[in-house]
Amino acid sequence: MIDVKSVPAAISANRYARRYTGSLVPILEKEKEALESLLNNEKLSVRRWVADEIERTEQEIASEKQRDAEETFRP
């Protein structure tokens, strides 16, 4: 049986434990789309967690776009 309370922590841990090359923006945008599909979940706790994760993801996207722009200007 799945421990429902541990699911958000497991998802978050998997989102932040990754390796990548190049821009992280496309990956984050896909993750945001996946999260958005859960916004209509019947459980309020899930909807709240998803909304928080979407907000964090949007902040990460903005930060990564800034980092990408800075990388463009480095010699």
Protein backbone atom coordinates (compact mmCIF):
# COMPACT_ATOMS: atom_id res chain seq x y z
CA MET A 1 0.00 0.00 0.00
CA ILE A 2 1.23 3.50 -0.81
CA ASP A 3 1.83 5.92 2.03
CA VAL A 4 -0.07 8.89 0.58
CA LYS A 5 1.61 11.37 2.92
CA SER A 6 5.07 10.45 1.60
CA VAL A 7 4.18 10.93 -2.09
CA PRO A 8 4.71 14.74 -2.23
CA ALA A 9 8.10 14.42 -0.53
CA ALA A 10 9.15 11.65 -2.92
CA ILE A 11 8.07 13.67 -5.95
CA SER A 12 9.88 16.76 -4.71
CA ALA A 13 13.04 14.77 -3.97
CA ASN A 14 13.03 13.32 -7.48
CA ARG A 15 12.51 16.75 -9.04
CA TYR A 16 15.56 18.21 -7.32
CA ALA A 17 17.94 15.26 -7.65
CA ARG A 18 18.94 15.44 -11.28
CA ARG A 19 21.77 16.04 -13.69
CA TYR A 20 21.47 17.97 -16.88
CA THR A 21 23.38 19.85 -19.52
CA GLY A 22 22.15 22.93 -21.29
CA SER A 23 19.14 24.93 -20.27
CA LEU A 24 16.96 23.59 -17.50
CA VAL A 25 14.02 25.73 -18.66
CA PRO A 26 12.44 23.14 -21.03
CA ILE A 27 12.58 20.48 -18.30
CA LEU A 28 11.02 22.80 -15.74
CA GLU A 29 8.28 23.82 -18.16
CA LYS A 30 7.36 20.17 -18.75
CA GLU A 31 7.33 19.54 -15.01
CA LYS A 32 5.04 22.54 -14.57
CA GLU A 33 2.66 21.13 -17.20
CA ALA A 34 2.60 17.80 -15.37
CA LEU A 35 1.88 19.54 -12.08
CA GLU A 36 -0.90 21.61 -13.65
CA SER A 37 -2.69 18.41 -14.59
CA LEU A 38 -3.11 17.76 -10.85
CA LEU A 39 -4.71 21.12 -10.02
CA ASN A 40 -8.20 19.64 -10.22
CA ASN A 41 -7.47 16.76 -7.88
CA GLU A 42 -10.31 15.93 -5.52
CA LYS A 43 -8.09 16.29 -2.44
CA LEU A 44 -7.54 19.82 -1.18
CA SER A 45 -4.16 18.86 0.27
CA VAL A 46 -2.99 17.73 -3.17
CA ARG A 47 -4.25 20.91 -4.83
CA ARG A 48 -2.45 23.05 -2.23
CA TRP A 49 0.79 21.10 -2.61
CA VAL A 50 0.56 21.31 -6.41
CA ALA A 51 -0.06 25.06 -6.29
CA ASP A 52 3.03 25.51 -4.09
CA GLU A 53 5.13 23.35 -6.40
CA ILE A 54 3.93 25.28 -9.45
CA GLU A 55 4.88 28.55 -7.77
CA ARG A 56 8.35 27.19 -6.94
CA THR A 57 8.73 25.89 -10.48
CA GLU A 58 7.77 29.27 -11.95
CA GLN A 59 10.40 30.91 -9.75
CA GLU A 60 12.96 28.36 -10.89
CA ILE A 61 12.05 28.98 -14.53
CA ALA A 62 12.55 32.73 -14.09
CA SER A 63 15.86 32.16 -12.33
CA GLU A 64 17.07 29.69 -14.98
CA LYS A 65 16.08 32.07 -17.79
CA GLN A 66 18.19 34.74 -16.10
CA ARG A 67 21.09 32.29 -15.76
CA ASP A 68 20.74 31.32 -19.42
CA ALA A 69 20.86 34.98 -20.43
CA GLU A 70 23.98 35.52 -18.34
CA GLU A 71 25.64 32.46 -19.88
CA THR A 72 25.02 33.94 -23.33
CA PHE A 73 27.15 36.97 -22.44
CA ARG A 74 30.11 35.07 -20.97
CA PRO A 75 33.21 34.90 -23.17
